[in-house]
Amino acid sequence: MANITKDQLVDVIASKTGITKKDAESVLEVFQDEVTTQIKKGNKVTLTGFGTFRLSKRAARIGINPQTKEKIQIKAMSVPKFTAGKALKEAVK
């Protein structure tokens, strides 16, 4: 199983759409920026059939430092989540 880098993804987008690599990279960066902006605002970004990006809240909790076994307080935080859509789930079965 191989990992696909951003540069490889840009190459694929450019070759499949006939646009330049520079334009493909710009499109990908705008997509990333806009998804980030929207989920930071608390909005969901839904790509029908592909999936949904959203913000999830994690409550504060007690954790354990694995080196010292000391209990530590982990602060509440917001984390990005992605939920795969039906078409994506079906495609990878």
PDB file of N, CA and C in Angstrom:
ATOM      1  N   MET A   1       0.854  -1.174   0.000  1.00  0.00           N
ATOM      2  CA  MET A   1       0.000   0.000   0.000  1.00  0.00           C
ATOM      3  C   MET A   1       0.898   1.235   0.000  1.00  0.00           C
ATOM      4  N   ALA A   2       0.646   2.140  -0.899  1.00  0.00           N
ATOM      5  CA  ALA A   2       1.474   3.334  -1.046  1.00  0.00           C
ATOM      6  C   ALA A   2       0.749   4.559  -0.492  1.00  0.00           C
ATOM      7  N   ASN A   3       1.522   5.498  -0.019  1.00  0.00           N
ATOM      8  CA  ASN A   3       0.978   6.793   0.384  1.00  0.00           C
ATOM      9  C   ASN A   3       1.050   7.730  -0.814  1.00  0.00           C
ATOM     10  N   ILE A   4       0.020   8.525  -0.988  1.00  0.00           N
ATOM     11  CA  ILE A   4      -0.019   9.491  -2.073  1.00  0.00           C
ATOM     12  C   ILE A   4       0.253  10.866  -1.477  1.00  0.00           C
ATOM     13  N   THR A   5       1.240  11.555  -2.006  1.00  0.00           N
ATOM     14  CA  THR A   5       1.589  12.880  -1.506  1.00  0.00           C
ATOM     15  C   THR A   5       0.763  13.948  -2.219  1.00  0.00           C
ATOM     16  N   LYS A   6       0.817  15.149  -1.690  1.00  0.00           N
ATOM     17  CA  LYS A   6       0.112  16.271  -2.303  1.00  0.00           C
ATOM     18  C   LYS A   6       0.616  16.486  -3.731  1.00  0.00           C
ATOM     19  N   ASP A   7       1.935  16.410  -3.941  1.00  0.00           N
ATOM     20  CA  ASP A   7       2.494  16.596  -5.282  1.00  0.00           C
ATOM     21  C   ASP A   7       1.968  15.547  -6.258  1.00  0.00           C
ATOM     22  N   GLN A   8       1.859  14.303  -5.813  1.00  0.00           N
ATOM     23  CA  GLN A   8       1.338  13.247  -6.680  1.00  0.00           C
ATOM     24  C   GLN A   8      -0.141  13.492  -6.991  1.00  0.00           C
ATOM     25  N   LEU A   9      -0.877  13.952  -6.004  1.00  0.00           N
ATOM     26  CA  LEU A   9      -2.289  14.256  -6.222  1.00  0.00           C
ATOM     27  C   LEU A   9      -2.442  15.409  -7.206  1.00  0.00           C
ATOM     28  N   VAL A  10      -1.595  16.425  -7.094  1.00  0.00           N
ATOM     29  CA  VAL A  10      -1.600  17.549  -8.038  1.00  0.00           C
ATOM     30  C   VAL A  10      -1.322  17.044  -9.450  1.00  0.00           C
ATOM     31  N   ASP A  11      -0.346  16.153  -9.598  1.00  0.00           N
ATOM     32  CA  ASP A  11      -0.024  15.579 -10.911  1.00  0.00           C
ATOM     33  C   ASP A  11      -1.234  14.862 -11.516  1.00  0.00           C
ATOM     34  N   VAL A  12      -1.937  14.069 -10.709  1.00  0.00           N
ATOM     35  CA  VAL A  12      -3.102  13.325 -11.195  1.00  0.00           C
ATOM     36  C   VAL A  12      -4.219  14.282 -11.605  1.00  0.00           C
ATOM     37  N   ILE A  13      -4.479  15.284 -10.764  1.00  0.00           N
ATOM     38  CA  ILE A  13      -5.530  16.257 -11.089  1.00  0.00           C
ATOM     39  C   ILE A  13      -5.199  16.982 -12.393  1.00  0.00           C
ATOM     40  N   ALA A  14      -3.948  17.394 -12.535  1.00  0.00           N
ATOM     41  CA  ALA A  14      -3.532  18.109 -13.746  1.00  0.00           C
ATOM     42  C   ALA A  14      -3.689  17.240 -14.987  1.00  0.00           C
ATOM     43  N   SER A  15      -3.260  15.981 -14.892  1.00  0.00           N
ATOM     44  CA  SER A  15      -3.327  15.119 -16.073  1.00  0.00           C
ATOM     45  C   SER A  15      -4.765  14.744 -16.439  1.00  0.00           C
ATOM     46  N   LYS A  16      -5.621  14.552 -15.451  1.00  0.00           N
ATOM     47  CA  LYS A  16      -7.006  14.153 -15.731  1.00  0.00           C
ATOM     48  C   LYS A  16      -7.885  15.304 -16.173  1.00  0.00           C
ATOM     49  N   THR A  17      -7.521  16.517 -15.793  1.00  0.00           N
ATOM     50  CA  THR A  17      -8.365  17.660 -16.152  1.00  0.00           C
ATOM     51  C   THR A  17      -7.792  18.487 -17.295  1.00  0.00           C
ATOM     52  N   GLY A  18      -6.514  18.291 -17.598  1.00  0.00           N
ATOM     53  CA  GLY A  18      -5.899  19.061 -18.674  1.00  0.00           C
ATOM     54  C   GLY A  18      -5.470  20.454 -18.249  1.00  0.00           C
ATOM     55  N   ILE A  19      -5.495  20.744 -16.952  1.00  0.00           N
ATOM     56  CA  ILE A  19      -5.024  22.047 -16.484  1.00  0.00           C
ATOM     57  C   ILE A  19      -3.556  21.930 -16.084  1.00  0.00           C
ATOM     58  N   THR A  20      -2.907  23.055 -15.879  1.00  0.00           N
ATOM     59  CA  THR A  20      -1.492  23.023 -15.506  1.00  0.00           C
ATOM     60  C   THR A  20      -1.342  22.541 -14.066  1.00  0.00           C
ATOM     61  N   LYS A  21      -0.149  22.080 -13.748  1.00  0.00           N
ATOM     62  CA  LYS A  21       0.124  21.644 -12.375  1.00  0.00           C
ATOM     63  C   LYS A  21      -0.031  22.811 -11.398  1.00  0.00           C
ATOM     64  N   LYS A  22       0.376  23.989 -11.835  1.00  0.00           N
ATOM     65  CA  LYS A  22       0.261  25.182 -10.986  1.00  0.00           C
ATOM     66  C   LYS A  22      -1.206  25.465 -10.672  1.00  0.00           C
ATOM     67  N   ASP A  23      -2.068  25.370 -11.693  1.00  0.00           N
ATOM     68  CA  ASP A  23      -3.498  25.592 -11.478  1.00  0.00           C
ATOM     69  C   ASP A  23      -4.103  24.502 -10.597  1.00  0.00           C
ATOM     70  N   ALA A  24      -3.701  23.263 -10.815  1.00  0.00           N
ATOM     71  CA  ALA A  24      -4.204  22.149 -10.013  1.00  0.00           C
ATOM     72  C   ALA A  24      -3.802  22.324  -8.551  1.00  0.00           C
ATOM     73  N   GLU A  25      -2.571  22.769  -8.327  1.00  0.00           N
ATOM     74  CA  GLU A  25      -2.112  22.997  -6.958  1.00  0.00           C
ATOM     75  C   GLU A  25      -2.905  24.134  -6.317  1.00  0.00           C
ATOM     76  N   SER A  26      -3.187  25.179  -7.079  1.00  0.00           N
ATOM     77  CA  SER A  26      -3.982  26.298  -6.570  1.00  0.00           C
ATOM     78  C   SER A  26      -5.382  25.842  -6.173  1.00  0.00           C
ATOM     79  N   VAL A  27      -5.998  25.030  -7.001  1.00  0.00           N
ATOM     80  CA  VAL A  27      -7.341  24.517  -6.714  1.00  0.00           C
ATOM     81  C   VAL A  27      -7.318  23.686  -5.432  1.00  0.00           C
ATOM     82  N   LEU A  28      -6.333  22.822  -5.303  1.00  0.00           N
ATOM     83  CA  LEU A  28      -6.231  21.970  -4.116  1.00  0.00           C
ATOM     84  C   LEU A  28      -6.001  22.809  -2.856  1.00  0.00           C
ATOM     85  N   GLU A  29      -5.169  23.824  -2.946  1.00  0.00           N
ATOM     86  CA  GLU A  29      -4.904  24.694  -1.794  1.00  0.00           C
ATOM     87  C   GLU A  29      -6.132  25.499  -1.402  1.00  0.00           C
ATOM     88  N   VAL A  30      -6.879  26.002  -2.387  1.00  0.00           N
ATOM     89  CA  VAL A  30      -8.112  26.732  -2.085  1.00  0.00           C
ATOM     90  C   VAL A  30      -9.116  25.799  -1.416  1.00  0.00           C
ATOM     91  N   PHE A  31      -9.219  24.576  -1.901  1.00  0.00           N
ATOM     92  CA  PHE A  31     -10.114  23.587  -1.293  1.00  0.00           C
ATOM     93  C   PHE A  31      -9.731  23.365   0.172  1.00  0.00           C
ATOM     94  N   GLN A  32      -8.459  23.120   0.437  1.00  0.00           N
ATOM     95  CA  GLN A  32      -7.995  22.885   1.808  1.00  0.00           C
ATOM     96  C   GLN A  32      -8.272  24.100   2.691  1.00  0.00           C
ATOM     97  N   ASP A  33      -7.957  25.281   2.185  1.00  0.00           N
ATOM     98  CA  ASP A  33      -8.161  26.508   2.956  1.00  0.00           C
ATOM     99  C   ASP A  33      -9.636  26.728   3.280  1.00  0.00           C
ATOM    100  N   GLU A  34     -10.492  26.511   2.306  1.00  0.00           N
ATOM    101  CA  GLU A  34     -11.920  26.751   2.519  1.00  0.00           C
ATOM    102  C   GLU A  34     -12.532  25.736   3.467  1.00  0.00           C
ATOM    103  N   VAL A  35     -12.157  24.466   3.346  1.00  0.00           N
ATOM    104  CA  VAL A  35     -12.646  23.454   4.285  1.00  0.00           C
ATOM    105  C   VAL A  35     -12.198  23.826   5.702  1.00  0.00           C
ATOM    106  N   THR A  36     -10.938  24.206   5.860  1.00  0.00           N
ATOM    107  CA  THR A  36     -10.409  24.603   7.167  1.00  0.00           C
ATOM    108  C   THR A  36     -11.168  25.806   7.719  1.00  0.00           C
ATOM    109  N   THR A  37     -11.373  26.820   6.899  1.00  0.00           N
ATOM    110  CA  THR A  37     -12.088  28.022   7.321  1.00  0.00           C
ATOM    111  C   THR A  37     -13.500  27.690   7.783  1.00  0.00           C
ATOM    112  N   GLN A  38     -14.187  26.876   7.012  1.00  0.00           N
ATOM    113  CA  GLN A  38     -15.579  26.564   7.339  1.00  0.00           C
ATOM    114  C   GLN A  38     -15.704  25.723   8.608  1.00  0.00           C
ATOM    115  N   ILE A  39     -14.845  24.725   8.797  1.00  0.00           N
ATOM    116  CA  ILE A  39     -14.982  23.920  10.016  1.00  0.00           C
ATOM    117  C   ILE A  39     -14.513  24.690  11.242  1.00  0.00           C
ATOM    118  N   LYS A  40     -13.578  25.634  11.069  1.00  0.00           N
ATOM    119  CA  LYS A  40     -13.194  26.494  12.196  1.00  0.00           C
ATOM    120  C   LYS A  40     -14.379  27.334  12.651  1.00  0.00           C
ATOM    121  N   LYS A  41     -15.253  27.724  11.720  1.00  0.00           N
ATOM    122  CA  LYS A  41     -16.447  28.499  12.038  1.00  0.00           C
ATOM    123  C   LYS A  41     -17.546  27.611  12.641  1.00  0.00           C
ATOM    124  N   GLY A  42     -17.338  26.301  12.643  1.00  0.00           N
ATOM    125  CA  GLY A  42     -18.353  25.387  13.160  1.00  0.00           C
ATOM    126  C   GLY A  42     -19.293  24.861  12.099  1.00  0.00           C
ATOM    127  N   ASN A  43     -19.034  25.184  10.836  1.00  0.00           N
ATOM    128  CA  ASN A  43     -19.870  24.704   9.733  1.00  0.00           C
ATOM    129  C   ASN A  43     -19.429  23.317   9.285  1.00  0.00           C
ATOM    130  N   LYS A  44     -20.354  22.577   8.707  1.00  0.00           N
ATOM    131  CA  LYS A  44     -20.027  21.294   8.078  1.00  0.00           C
ATOM    132  C   LYS A  44     -19.765  21.540   6.602  1.00  0.00           C
ATOM    133  N   VAL A  45     -18.853  20.770   6.019  1.00  0.00           N
ATOM    134  CA  VAL A  45     -18.616  20.803   4.577  1.00  0.00           C
ATOM    135  C   VAL A  45     -18.970  19.418   4.058  1.00  0.00           C
ATOM    136  N   THR A  46     -20.041  19.340   3.280  1.00  0.00           N
ATOM    137  CA  THR A  46     -20.524  18.057   2.782  1.00  0.00           C
ATOM    138  C   THR A  46     -20.296  17.954   1.287  1.00  0.00           C
ATOM    139  N   LEU A  47     -19.601  16.913   0.880  1.00  0.00           N
ATOM    140  CA  LEU A  47     -19.420  16.580  -0.530  1.00  0.00           C
ATOM    141  C   LEU A  47     -20.251  15.320  -0.757  1.00  0.00           C
ATOM    142  N   THR A  48     -21.419  15.497  -1.314  1.00  0.00           N
ATOM    143  CA  THR A  48     -22.380  14.405  -1.459  1.00  0.00           C
ATOM    144  C   THR A  48     -21.740  13.174  -2.083  1.00  0.00           C
ATOM    145  N   GLY A  49     -21.893  12.046  -1.409  1.00  0.00           N
ATOM    146  CA  GLY A  49     -21.336  10.787  -1.873  1.00  0.00           C
ATOM    147  C   GLY A  49     -19.906  10.552  -1.412  1.00  0.00           C
ATOM    148  N   PHE A  50     -19.169  11.623  -1.128  1.00  0.00           N
ATOM    149  CA  PHE A  50     -17.769  11.487  -0.702  1.00  0.00           C
ATOM    150  C   PHE A  50     -17.654  11.502   0.813  1.00  0.00           C
ATOM    151  N   GLY A  51     -18.190  12.553   1.437  1.00  0.00           N
ATOM    152  CA  GLY A  51     -18.136  12.608   2.887  1.00  0.00           C
ATOM    153  C   GLY A  51     -18.352  13.996   3.432  1.00  0.00           C
ATOM    154  N   THR A  52     -18.258  14.101   4.755  1.00  0.00           N
ATOM    155  CA  THR A  52     -18.497  15.349   5.453  1.00  0.00           C
ATOM    156  C   THR A  52     -17.336  15.664   6.384  1.00  0.00           C
ATOM    157  N   PHE A  53     -16.870  16.901   6.310  1.00  0.00           N
ATOM    158  CA  PHE A  53     -15.868  17.416   7.229  1.00  0.00           C
ATOM    159  C   PHE A  53     -16.609  18.236   8.277  1.00  0.00           C
ATOM    160  N   ARG A  54     -16.262  18.078   9.563  1.00  0.00           N
ATOM    161  CA  ARG A  54     -16.923  18.849  10.611  1.00  0.00           C
ATOM    162  C   ARG A  54     -15.989  19.007  11.803  1.00  0.00           C
ATOM    163  N   LEU A  55     -16.407  19.823  12.747  1.00  0.00           N
ATOM    164  CA  LEU A  55     -15.650  20.051  13.955  1.00  0.00           C
ATOM    165  C   LEU A  55     -16.301  19.256  15.079  1.00  0.00           C
ATOM    166  N   SER A  56     -15.492  18.582  15.879  1.00  0.00           N
ATOM    167  CA  SER A  56     -15.991  17.800  16.996  1.00  0.00           C
ATOM    168  C   SER A  56     -15.335  18.299  18.276  1.00  0.00           C
ATOM    169  N   LYS A  57     -16.089  18.323  19.347  1.00  0.00           N
ATOM    170  CA  LYS A  57     -15.567  18.775  20.642  1.00  0.00           C
ATOM    171  C   LYS A  57     -15.163  17.565  21.479  1.00  0.00           C
ATOM    172  N   ARG A  58     -13.981  17.648  22.094  1.00  0.00           N
ATOM    173  CA  ARG A  58     -13.535  16.623  23.036  1.00  0.00           C
ATOM    174  C   ARG A  58     -13.554  17.229  24.430  1.00  0.00           C
ATOM    175  N   ALA A  59     -14.132  16.524  25.353  1.00  0.00           N
ATOM    176  CA  ALA A  59     -14.214  17.009  26.729  1.00  0.00           C
ATOM    177  C   ALA A  59     -12.845  16.894  27.407  1.00  0.00           C
ATOM    178  N   ALA A  60     -12.653  17.693  28.447  1.00  0.00           N
ATOM    179  CA  ALA A  60     -11.434  17.583  29.255  1.00  0.00           C
ATOM    180  C   ALA A  60     -11.447  16.210  29.934  1.00  0.00           C
ATOM    181  N   ARG A  61     -10.275  15.670  30.171  1.00  0.00           N
ATOM    182  CA  ARG A  61     -10.202  14.357  30.801  1.00  0.00           C
ATOM    183  C   ARG A  61      -8.864  14.179  31.511  1.00  0.00           C
ATOM    184  N   ILE A  62      -8.780  13.142  32.296  1.00  0.00           N
ATOM    185  CA  ILE A  62      -7.545  12.804  32.993  1.00  0.00           C
ATOM    186  C   ILE A  62      -6.807  11.759  32.150  1.00  0.00           C
ATOM    187  N   GLY A  63      -5.527  11.983  31.918  1.00  0.00           N
ATOM    188  CA  GLY A  63      -4.697  11.037  31.185  1.00  0.00           C
ATOM    189  C   GLY A  63      -3.536  10.598  32.062  1.00  0.00           C
ATOM    190  N   ILE A  64      -2.721   9.730  31.540  1.00  0.00           N
ATOM    191  CA  ILE A  64      -1.558   9.233  32.274  1.00  0.00           C
ATOM    192  C   ILE A  64      -0.321   9.410  31.404  1.00  0.00           C
ATOM    193  N   ASN A  65       0.708  10.045  31.967  1.00  0.00           N
ATOM    194  CA  ASN A  65       1.995  10.176  31.287  1.00  0.00           C
ATOM    195  C   ASN A  65       2.614   8.781  31.234  1.00  0.00           C
ATOM    196  N   PRO A  66       2.857   8.232  30.046  1.00  0.00           N
ATOM    197  CA  PRO A  66       3.356   6.851  29.954  1.00  0.00           C
ATOM    198  C   PRO A  66       4.771   6.660  30.517  1.00  0.00           C
ATOM    199  N   GLN A  67       5.549   7.718  30.577  1.00  0.00           N
ATOM    200  CA  GLN A  67       6.912   7.588  31.111  1.00  0.00           C
ATOM    201  C   GLN A  67       6.941   7.598  32.630  1.00  0.00           C
ATOM    202  N   THR A  68       6.159   8.496  33.231  1.00  0.00           N
ATOM    203  CA  THR A  68       6.209   8.648  34.691  1.00  0.00           C
ATOM    204  C   THR A  68       5.004   8.030  35.387  1.00  0.00           C
ATOM    205  N   LYS A  69       4.009   7.610  34.652  1.00  0.00           N
ATOM    206  CA  LYS A  69       2.746   7.067  35.177  1.00  0.00           C
ATOM    207  C   LYS A  69       1.986   8.100  36.008  1.00  0.00           C
ATOM    208  N   GLU A  70       2.375   9.356  35.899  1.00  0.00           N
ATOM    209  CA  GLU A  70       1.724  10.446  36.621  1.00  0.00           C
ATOM    210  C   GLU A  70       0.434  10.827  35.911  1.00  0.00           C
ATOM    211  N   LYS A  71      -0.613  11.114  36.683  1.00  0.00           N
ATOM    212  CA  LYS A  71      -1.882  11.554  36.096  1.00  0.00           C
ATOM    213  C   LYS A  71      -1.726  12.998  35.652  1.00  0.00           C
ATOM    214  N   ILE A  72      -2.272  13.301  34.468  1.00  0.00           N
ATOM    215  CA  ILE A  72      -2.217  14.655  33.940  1.00  0.00           C
ATOM    216  C   ILE A  72      -3.605  15.066  33.472  1.00  0.00           C
ATOM    217  N   GLN A  73      -3.859  16.358  33.499  1.00  0.00           N
ATOM    218  CA  GLN A  73      -5.135  16.893  33.024  1.00  0.00           C
ATOM    219  C   GLN A  73      -4.996  17.236  31.536  1.00  0.00           C
ATOM    220  N   ILE A  74      -5.853  16.668  30.713  1.00  0.00           N
ATOM    221  CA  ILE A  74      -5.873  16.964  29.285  1.00  0.00           C
ATOM    222  C   ILE A  74      -7.027  17.940  29.050  1.00  0.00           C
ATOM    223  N   LYS A  75      -6.710  19.083  28.466  1.00  0.00           N
ATOM    224  CA  LYS A  75      -7.709  20.138  28.249  1.00  0.00           C
ATOM    225  C   LYS A  75      -8.748  19.731  27.210  1.00  0.00           C
ATOM    226  N   ALA A  76      -9.924  20.345  27.306  1.00  0.00           N
ATOM    227  CA  ALA A  76     -10.951  20.180  26.278  1.00  0.00           C
ATOM    228  C   ALA A  76     -10.427  20.804  24.993  1.00  0.00           C
ATOM    229  N   MET A  77     -10.807  20.240  23.864  1.00  0.00           N
ATOM    230  CA  MET A  77     -10.340  20.770  22.585  1.00  0.00           C
ATOM    231  C   MET A  77     -11.315  20.449  21.471  1.00  0.00           C
ATOM    232  N   SER A  78     -11.155  21.163  20.395  1.00  0.00           N
ATOM    233  CA  SER A  78     -11.922  20.903  19.177  1.00  0.00           C
ATOM    234  C   SER A  78     -11.013  20.195  18.186  1.00  0.00           C
ATOM    235  N   VAL A  79     -11.544  19.170  17.517  1.00  0.00           N
ATOM    236  CA  VAL A  79     -10.749  18.412  16.552  1.00  0.00           C
ATOM    237  C   VAL A  79     -11.540  18.248  15.254  1.00  0.00           C
ATOM    238  N   PRO A  80     -10.849  18.242  14.111  1.00  0.00           N
ATOM    239  CA  PRO A  80     -11.554  18.010  12.848  1.00  0.00           C
ATOM    240  C   PRO A  80     -11.928  16.535  12.702  1.00  0.00           C
ATOM    241  N   LYS A  81     -13.081  16.297  12.107  1.00  0.00           N
ATOM    242  CA  LYS A  81     -13.551  14.927  11.856  1.00  0.00           C
ATOM    243  C   LYS A  81     -13.968  14.815  10.395  1.00  0.00           C
ATOM    244  N   PHE A  82     -13.792  13.626   9.838  1.00  0.00           N
ATOM    245  CA  PHE A  82     -14.275  13.329   8.493  1.00  0.00           C
ATOM    246  C   PHE A  82     -15.121  12.075   8.582  1.00  0.00           C
ATOM    247  N   THR A  83     -16.328  12.143   8.043  1.00  0.00           N
ATOM    248  CA  THR A  83     -17.207  10.984   7.977  1.00  0.00           C
ATOM    249  C   THR A  83     -17.401  10.642   6.509  1.00  0.00           C
ATOM    250  N   ALA A  84     -17.035   9.420   6.143  1.00  0.00           N
ATOM    251  CA  ALA A  84     -17.146   8.991   4.750  1.00  0.00           C
ATOM    252  C   ALA A  84     -18.599   8.870   4.331  1.00  0.00           C
ATOM    253  N   GLY A  85     -18.870   9.257   3.087  1.00  0.00           N
ATOM    254  CA  GLY A  85     -20.207   9.155   2.519  1.00  0.00           C
ATOM    255  C   GLY A  85     -20.474   7.745   1.991  1.00  0.00           C
ATOM    256  N   LYS A  86     -21.706   7.476   1.647  1.00  0.00           N
ATOM    257  CA  LYS A  86     -22.123   6.157   1.198  1.00  0.00           C
ATOM    258  C   LYS A  86     -21.338   5.695  -0.038  1.00  0.00           C
ATOM    259  N   ALA A  87     -21.198   6.568  -1.026  1.00  0.00           N
ATOM    260  CA  ALA A  87     -20.508   6.175  -2.268  1.00  0.00           C
ATOM    261  C   ALA A  87     -19.035   5.824  -1.997  1.00  0.00           C
ATOM    262  N   LEU A  88     -18.379   6.578  -1.133  1.00  0.00           N
ATOM    263  CA  LEU A  88     -16.984   6.280  -0.784  1.00  0.00           C
ATOM    264  C   LEU A  88     -16.887   4.954  -0.038  1.00  0.00           C
ATOM    265  N   LYS A  89     -17.791   4.738   0.896  1.00  0.00           N
ATOM    266  CA  LYS A  89     -17.794   3.470   1.642  1.00  0.00           C
ATOM    267  C   LYS A  89     -17.979   2.285   0.697  1.00  0.00           C
ATOM    268  N   GLU A  90     -18.919   2.418  -0.223  1.00  0.00           N
ATOM    269  CA  GLU A  90     -19.179   1.341  -1.190  1.00  0.00           C
ATOM    270  C   GLU A  90     -17.988   1.102  -2.112  1.00  0.00           C
ATOM    271  N   ALA A  91     -17.308   2.183  -2.497  1.00  0.00           N
ATOM    272  CA  ALA A  91     -16.194   2.065  -3.438  1.00  0.00           C
ATOM    273  C   ALA A  91     -15.002   1.332  -2.849  1.00  0.00           C
ATOM    274  N   VAL A  92     -14.818   1.412  -1.538  1.00  0.00           N
ATOM    275  CA  VAL A  92     -13.644   0.805  -0.926  1.00  0.00           C
ATOM    276  C   VAL A  92     -13.912  -0.555  -0.295  1.00  0.00           C
ATOM    277  N   LYS A  93     -15.130  -1.034  -0.370  1.00  0.00           N
ATOM    278  CA  LYS A  93     -15.452  -2.366   0.202  1.00  0.00           C
ATOM    279  C   LYS A  93     -14.732  -3.451  -0.531  1.00  0.00           C
TER     280      LYS A  93
END
